[in-house]
Structure formats: structure tokens, C-alpha cells
Amino acid sequence: MAHGFERKSRVADHLKNELGRLLLSHSFDPRFKFVSVSAIELSKDYAHATVYVTILDDSQVKDILAALNKAAGFFRRELARRVNLRTTPQFHFQYDSSIRHGEKIAKLLSPKPSEKEE
């Protein structure tokens, strides 16, 4: 079973790289230039993929996610041409807030100017 996990991880990484390139080079929506793919989680049968994305502009998260999910068929079709898989998964885009959350925690943990040694 460990071999299946390795393959799943490699396929997810390959899809992540190809989808990232596709977003930068062949996307029809200029807002997609500010989107990066942080991770892809595949289902057991490789039929569905949850794509976690980070978006540069926090004010447009809902709009960009809606546009990405609407264009999921386009991305699936383009990746089917680029990636040699039996079935290309259906993509479901979700916002990855872990980076913003990490920034908030780092800010809270950093010493305040009054706490620095003098």
C-alpha cells in the first residue's frame, strides 16, 4: 500500500506544477495571474482533486474562487492534453488560508518594541 501513496503524491505534485503553469501562461482571466497553487489533494480513485490556492489580493477571494471553479472544466481539458493519466480528475478549488494564518501567528509571537533588550 505504501507504493500507492507514493504514486498519489507524485501525481498530485505533477498536477500542481502543470496547473500552476497553466494558470500563469494560458489563463484567460487576468485575475488568475495572482493565484498560486499551494497543494492538491487527490481522491482514492483519482477522479476528484481538491486544489488549494493562495490569492494575493484577499479582497477578491470569493470572486476568484468562483471564477476558478467555473473554469474548472477548461483546466481539466487542458491538463488532460498535458498529463498522461487514465482519467483526469475534476478540480474543486478552495482557498488556502494557512499562509495568512501563519503570518498572523508570527506577528503575535514577534517581540514588541518595548520588550526588546536595550
N, C-alpha and C. Protein backbone atom coordinates (compact mmCIF):
# COMPACT_ATOMS: atom_id res chain seq x y z
N MET A 1 0.81 -1.20 0.00
CA MET A 1 0.00 0.00 0.00
C MET A 1 0.86 1.27 0.00
N ALA A 2 2.03 1.20 0.55
CA ALA A 2 2.89 2.39 0.60
C ALA A 2 3.23 2.85 -0.80
N HIS A 3 3.34 1.91 -1.74
CA HIS A 3 3.65 2.27 -3.12
C HIS A 3 2.54 3.13 -3.72
N GLY A 4 1.28 2.83 -3.40
CA GLY A 4 0.16 3.63 -3.91
C GLY A 4 0.20 5.05 -3.40
N PHE A 5 0.61 5.20 -2.14
CA PHE A 5 0.71 6.53 -1.57
C PHE A 5 1.78 7.35 -2.27
N GLU A 6 2.89 6.72 -2.58
CA GLU A 6 3.97 7.42 -3.28
C GLU A 6 3.49 7.89 -4.65
N ARG A 7 2.78 7.04 -5.36
CA ARG A 7 2.29 7.40 -6.68
C ARG A 7 1.28 8.54 -6.58
N LYS A 8 0.40 8.46 -5.61
CA LYS A 8 -0.61 9.50 -5.42
C LYS A 8 0.07 10.86 -5.16
N SER A 9 1.12 10.83 -4.36
CA SER A 9 1.86 12.05 -4.05
C SER A 9 2.56 12.60 -5.29
N ARG A 10 3.16 11.73 -6.08
CA ARG A 10 3.83 12.16 -7.31
C ARG A 10 2.84 12.73 -8.31
N VAL A 11 1.69 12.08 -8.45
CA VAL A 11 0.66 12.57 -9.38
C VAL A 11 0.16 13.93 -8.93
N ALA A 12 -0.09 14.09 -7.63
CA ALA A 12 -0.57 15.37 -7.10
C ALA A 12 0.47 16.47 -7.34
N ASP A 13 1.74 16.17 -7.12
CA ASP A 13 2.79 17.16 -7.35
C ASP A 13 2.88 17.54 -8.83
N HIS A 14 2.76 16.55 -9.69
CA HIS A 14 2.82 16.82 -11.13
C HIS A 14 1.63 17.68 -11.57
N LEU A 15 0.44 17.35 -11.08
CA LEU A 15 -0.74 18.16 -11.39
C LEU A 15 -0.60 19.58 -10.86
N LYS A 16 -0.04 19.70 -9.66
CA LYS A 16 0.17 21.03 -9.06
C LYS A 16 1.09 21.88 -9.94
N ASN A 17 2.19 21.30 -10.40
CA ASN A 17 3.12 22.05 -11.25
C ASN A 17 2.49 22.43 -12.58
N GLU A 18 1.81 21.49 -13.20
CA GLU A 18 1.20 21.77 -14.51
C GLU A 18 0.07 22.78 -14.39
N LEU A 19 -0.74 22.67 -13.35
CA LEU A 19 -1.83 23.62 -13.15
C LEU A 19 -1.29 25.02 -12.86
N GLY A 20 -0.20 25.10 -12.11
CA GLY A 20 0.44 26.39 -11.85
C GLY A 20 0.93 27.04 -13.13
N ARG A 21 1.55 26.24 -13.99
CA ARG A 21 2.00 26.77 -15.29
C ARG A 21 0.82 27.21 -16.14
N LEU A 22 -0.23 26.43 -16.12
CA LEU A 22 -1.41 26.74 -16.91
C LEU A 22 -2.06 28.04 -16.44
N LEU A 23 -2.12 28.24 -15.13
CA LEU A 23 -2.69 29.48 -14.59
C LEU A 23 -1.90 30.70 -15.04
N LEU A 24 -0.58 30.56 -15.09
CA LEU A 24 0.27 31.70 -15.48
C LEU A 24 0.26 31.96 -16.97
N SER A 25 0.28 30.92 -17.77
CA SER A 25 0.51 31.12 -19.19
C SER A 25 -0.73 31.07 -20.08
N HIS A 26 -1.71 30.25 -19.74
CA HIS A 26 -2.84 30.05 -20.64
C HIS A 26 -4.19 30.46 -20.07
N SER A 27 -4.20 31.12 -18.95
CA SER A 27 -5.48 31.51 -18.37
C SER A 27 -6.03 32.72 -19.10
N PHE A 28 -7.33 32.72 -19.26
CA PHE A 28 -8.00 33.79 -19.98
C PHE A 28 -8.40 34.93 -19.06
N ASP A 29 -8.39 34.70 -17.77
CA ASP A 29 -8.79 35.70 -16.79
C ASP A 29 -7.53 36.32 -16.17
N PRO A 30 -7.35 37.62 -16.27
CA PRO A 30 -6.13 38.25 -15.74
C PRO A 30 -5.99 38.11 -14.22
N ARG A 31 -7.10 37.89 -13.51
CA ARG A 31 -7.02 37.72 -12.05
C ARG A 31 -6.29 36.44 -11.67
N PHE A 32 -6.25 35.47 -12.57
CA PHE A 32 -5.59 34.19 -12.28
C PHE A 32 -4.07 34.34 -12.19
N LYS A 33 -3.53 35.45 -12.65
CA LYS A 33 -2.10 35.69 -12.55
C LYS A 33 -1.66 35.86 -11.09
N PHE A 34 -2.61 36.20 -10.22
CA PHE A 34 -2.32 36.43 -8.80
C PHE A 34 -2.68 35.23 -7.94
N VAL A 35 -2.85 34.07 -8.58
CA VAL A 35 -3.22 32.84 -7.89
C VAL A 35 -2.05 31.86 -7.97
N SER A 36 -1.75 31.22 -6.85
CA SER A 36 -0.74 30.16 -6.88
C SER A 36 -1.33 28.92 -6.22
N VAL A 37 -0.97 27.78 -6.75
CA VAL A 37 -1.46 26.50 -6.24
C VAL A 37 -0.54 26.08 -5.10
N SER A 38 -1.10 25.92 -3.91
CA SER A 38 -0.26 25.53 -2.77
C SER A 38 -0.26 24.03 -2.54
N ALA A 39 -1.36 23.35 -2.87
CA ALA A 39 -1.41 21.89 -2.69
C ALA A 39 -2.58 21.32 -3.47
N ILE A 40 -2.46 20.03 -3.78
CA ILE A 40 -3.56 19.30 -4.41
C ILE A 40 -3.75 18.01 -3.63
N GLU A 41 -5.01 17.74 -3.31
CA GLU A 41 -5.37 16.54 -2.59
C GLU A 41 -6.24 15.68 -3.51
N LEU A 42 -5.78 14.48 -3.83
CA LEU A 42 -6.49 13.59 -4.74
C LEU A 42 -7.36 12.60 -3.98
N SER A 43 -8.51 12.25 -4.58
CA SER A 43 -9.33 11.20 -4.01
C SER A 43 -8.67 9.85 -4.28
N LYS A 44 -9.16 8.80 -3.64
CA LYS A 44 -8.55 7.48 -3.78
C LYS A 44 -8.56 6.98 -5.22
N ASP A 45 -9.62 7.30 -5.94
CA ASP A 45 -9.73 6.82 -7.32
C ASP A 45 -9.23 7.84 -8.35
N TYR A 46 -8.63 8.92 -7.88
CA TYR A 46 -8.06 9.97 -8.75
C TYR A 46 -9.12 10.69 -9.59
N ALA A 47 -10.38 10.55 -9.24
CA ALA A 47 -11.45 11.17 -10.03
C ALA A 47 -11.70 12.62 -9.62
N HIS A 48 -11.34 12.96 -8.40
CA HIS A 48 -11.56 14.32 -7.90
C HIS A 48 -10.28 14.84 -7.26
N ALA A 49 -10.06 16.12 -7.44
CA ALA A 49 -8.89 16.77 -6.84
C ALA A 49 -9.32 18.07 -6.19
N THR A 50 -9.00 18.21 -4.92
CA THR A 50 -9.21 19.48 -4.24
C THR A 50 -7.93 20.28 -4.41
N VAL A 51 -8.07 21.44 -5.02
CA VAL A 51 -6.92 22.29 -5.31
C VAL A 51 -6.94 23.46 -4.33
N TYR A 52 -5.93 23.53 -3.49
CA TYR A 52 -5.81 24.62 -2.52
C TYR A 52 -4.97 25.72 -3.15
N VAL A 53 -5.53 26.93 -3.18
CA VAL A 53 -4.86 28.05 -3.82
C VAL A 53 -4.68 29.19 -2.82
N THR A 54 -3.62 29.94 -3.03
CA THR A 54 -3.43 31.19 -2.31
C THR A 54 -3.64 32.32 -3.30
N ILE A 55 -4.23 33.39 -2.81
CA ILE A 55 -4.59 34.51 -3.67
C ILE A 55 -3.95 35.76 -3.09
N LEU A 56 -3.27 36.50 -3.94
CA LEU A 56 -2.52 37.67 -3.49
C LEU A 56 -3.43 38.73 -2.88
N ASP A 57 -4.55 39.00 -3.51
CA ASP A 57 -5.46 40.05 -3.05
C ASP A 57 -6.59 39.41 -2.24
N ASP A 58 -6.56 39.61 -0.92
CA ASP A 58 -7.57 38.99 -0.05
C ASP A 58 -8.98 39.51 -0.31
N SER A 59 -9.11 40.69 -0.87
CA SER A 59 -10.45 41.25 -1.08
C SER A 59 -11.20 40.57 -2.23
N GLN A 60 -10.49 39.83 -3.07
CA GLN A 60 -11.12 39.19 -4.22
C GLN A 60 -11.22 37.67 -4.09
N VAL A 61 -11.07 37.14 -2.90
CA VAL A 61 -11.02 35.69 -2.73
C VAL A 61 -12.29 35.03 -3.25
N LYS A 62 -13.45 35.51 -2.86
CA LYS A 62 -14.71 34.88 -3.28
C LYS A 62 -14.90 34.94 -4.78
N ASP A 63 -14.61 36.10 -5.38
CA ASP A 63 -14.77 36.26 -6.82
C ASP A 63 -13.82 35.35 -7.61
N ILE A 64 -12.58 35.30 -7.18
CA ILE A 64 -11.59 34.49 -7.89
C ILE A 64 -11.89 33.00 -7.72
N LEU A 65 -12.30 32.58 -6.51
CA LEU A 65 -12.65 31.17 -6.31
C LEU A 65 -13.84 30.78 -7.19
N ALA A 66 -14.83 31.66 -7.28
CA ALA A 66 -15.98 31.37 -8.13
C ALA A 66 -15.55 31.25 -9.59
N ALA A 67 -14.66 32.14 -10.03
CA ALA A 67 -14.17 32.09 -11.41
C ALA A 67 -13.34 30.83 -11.66
N LEU A 68 -12.52 30.44 -10.69
CA LEU A 68 -11.71 29.23 -10.84
C LEU A 68 -12.60 27.99 -10.94
N ASN A 69 -13.61 27.90 -10.07
CA ASN A 69 -14.50 26.75 -10.10
C ASN A 69 -15.34 26.72 -11.37
N LYS A 70 -15.66 27.89 -11.89
CA LYS A 70 -16.40 27.96 -13.15
C LYS A 70 -15.52 27.50 -14.31
N ALA A 71 -14.23 27.79 -14.23
CA ALA A 71 -13.29 27.42 -15.30
C ALA A 71 -12.65 26.05 -15.07
N ALA A 72 -13.12 25.30 -14.10
CA ALA A 72 -12.52 24.00 -13.76
C ALA A 72 -12.54 23.05 -14.95
N GLY A 73 -13.59 23.09 -15.74
CA GLY A 73 -13.67 22.23 -16.93
C GLY A 73 -12.59 22.56 -17.95
N PHE A 74 -12.32 23.84 -18.13
CA PHE A 74 -11.25 24.27 -19.03
C PHE A 74 -9.91 23.74 -18.55
N PHE A 75 -9.64 23.88 -17.25
CA PHE A 75 -8.36 23.40 -16.70
C PHE A 75 -8.25 21.88 -16.83
N ARG A 76 -9.35 21.19 -16.60
CA ARG A 76 -9.33 19.72 -16.73
C ARG A 76 -9.01 19.31 -18.16
N ARG A 77 -9.64 19.97 -19.12
CA ARG A 77 -9.42 19.65 -20.53
C ARG A 77 -7.97 19.93 -20.93
N GLU A 78 -7.44 21.07 -20.52
CA GLU A 78 -6.06 21.41 -20.87
C GLU A 78 -5.06 20.47 -20.20
N LEU A 79 -5.32 20.10 -18.96
CA LEU A 79 -4.40 19.19 -18.28
C LEU A 79 -4.49 17.78 -18.85
N ALA A 80 -5.64 17.40 -19.35
CA ALA A 80 -5.76 16.08 -19.98
C ALA A 80 -4.84 15.98 -21.19
N ARG A 81 -4.63 17.10 -21.86
CA ARG A 81 -3.72 17.13 -23.02
C ARG A 81 -2.26 17.06 -22.59
N ARG A 82 -1.95 17.59 -21.41
CA ARG A 82 -0.56 17.70 -20.96
C ARG A 82 -0.10 16.53 -20.09
N VAL A 83 -1.01 15.92 -19.35
CA VAL A 83 -0.66 14.89 -18.38
C VAL A 83 -1.20 13.55 -18.87
N ASN A 84 -0.36 12.54 -18.81
CA ASN A 84 -0.75 11.22 -19.29
C ASN A 84 -1.32 10.40 -18.13
N LEU A 85 -2.63 10.55 -17.89
CA LEU A 85 -3.33 9.79 -16.87
C LEU A 85 -4.53 9.10 -17.50
N ARG A 86 -4.96 8.00 -16.90
CA ARG A 86 -6.14 7.31 -17.42
C ARG A 86 -7.36 8.23 -17.36
N THR A 87 -7.56 8.86 -16.22
CA THR A 87 -8.63 9.85 -16.08
C THR A 87 -8.04 11.10 -15.46
N THR A 88 -8.44 12.22 -15.98
CA THR A 88 -8.02 13.50 -15.40
C THR A 88 -9.05 13.88 -14.36
N PRO A 89 -8.63 14.22 -13.16
CA PRO A 89 -9.59 14.49 -12.09
C PRO A 89 -10.39 15.78 -12.32
N GLN A 90 -11.57 15.81 -11.72
CA GLN A 90 -12.37 17.03 -11.68
C GLN A 90 -11.78 17.90 -10.58
N PHE A 91 -11.63 19.18 -10.87
CA PHE A 91 -10.99 20.09 -9.92
C PHE A 91 -12.02 20.85 -9.11
N HIS A 92 -11.75 20.94 -7.82
CA HIS A 92 -12.56 21.71 -6.88
C HIS A 92 -11.61 22.66 -6.17
N PHE A 93 -11.75 23.95 -6.40
CA PHE A 93 -10.81 24.93 -5.86
C PHE A 93 -11.27 25.42 -4.49
N GLN A 94 -10.31 25.52 -3.57
CA GLN A 94 -10.56 26.05 -2.23
C GLN A 94 -9.43 26.99 -1.85
N TYR A 95 -9.79 27.99 -1.06
CA TYR A 95 -8.80 28.96 -0.60
C TYR A 95 -7.96 28.36 0.53
N ASP A 96 -6.67 28.51 0.44
CA ASP A 96 -5.74 28.03 1.46
C ASP A 96 -5.34 29.22 2.33
N SER A 97 -5.91 29.27 3.49
CA SER A 97 -5.66 30.40 4.39
C SER A 97 -4.49 30.14 5.34
N SER A 98 -3.79 29.05 5.17
CA SER A 98 -2.72 28.70 6.11
C SER A 98 -1.57 29.72 6.09
N ILE A 99 -1.29 30.30 4.95
CA ILE A 99 -0.20 31.28 4.88
C ILE A 99 -0.57 32.54 5.66
N ARG A 100 -1.79 33.03 5.47
CA ARG A 100 -2.25 34.20 6.21
C ARG A 100 -2.30 33.91 7.71
N HIS A 101 -2.74 32.71 8.04
CA HIS A 101 -2.81 32.31 9.45
C HIS A 101 -1.40 32.27 10.05
N GLY A 102 -0.45 31.75 9.32
CA GLY A 102 0.94 31.71 9.78
C GLY A 102 1.52 33.10 9.98
N GLU A 103 1.18 34.02 9.09
CA GLU A 103 1.65 35.40 9.22
C GLU A 103 1.09 36.04 10.49
N LYS A 104 -0.19 35.77 10.79
CA LYS A 104 -0.79 36.32 12.00
C LYS A 104 -0.11 35.77 13.25
N ILE A 105 0.17 34.48 13.25
CA ILE A 105 0.83 33.87 14.41
C ILE A 105 2.24 34.42 14.57
N ALA A 106 2.97 34.57 13.47
CA ALA A 106 4.32 35.11 13.55
C ALA A 106 4.30 36.54 14.08
N LYS A 107 3.31 37.31 13.66
CA LYS A 107 3.19 38.68 14.14
C LYS A 107 2.89 38.72 15.64
N LEU A 108 2.05 37.80 16.10
CA LEU A 108 1.73 37.74 17.52
C LEU A 108 2.93 37.30 18.36
N LEU A 109 3.75 36.43 17.80
CA LEU A 109 4.89 35.91 18.55
C LEU A 109 6.12 36.81 18.50
N SER A 110 6.16 37.73 17.55
CA SER A 110 7.33 38.61 17.46
C SER A 110 7.33 39.58 18.64
N PRO A 111 8.52 39.89 19.14
CA PRO A 111 8.59 40.79 20.30
C PRO A 111 8.17 42.21 19.93
N LYS A 112 7.48 42.83 20.84
CA LYS A 112 7.07 44.21 20.63
C LYS A 112 8.27 45.12 20.89
N PRO A 113 8.30 46.33 20.33
CA PRO A 113 9.46 47.23 20.51
C PRO A 113 9.77 47.50 21.99
N SER A 114 8.78 47.54 22.85
CA SER A 114 9.03 47.82 24.26
C SER A 114 9.63 46.61 24.97
N GLU A 115 9.50 45.40 24.37
CA GLU A 115 10.02 44.19 25.01
C GLU A 115 11.45 43.87 24.59
N LYS A 116 11.96 44.54 23.58
CA LYS A 116 13.32 44.28 23.10
C LYS A 116 14.34 44.70 24.16
N GLU A 117 15.45 43.98 24.17
CA GLU A 117 16.52 44.33 25.12
C GLU A 117 17.13 45.66 24.72
N GLU A 118 17.47 46.43 25.70
CA GLU A 118 18.05 47.75 25.42
C GLU A 118 19.50 47.76 25.69
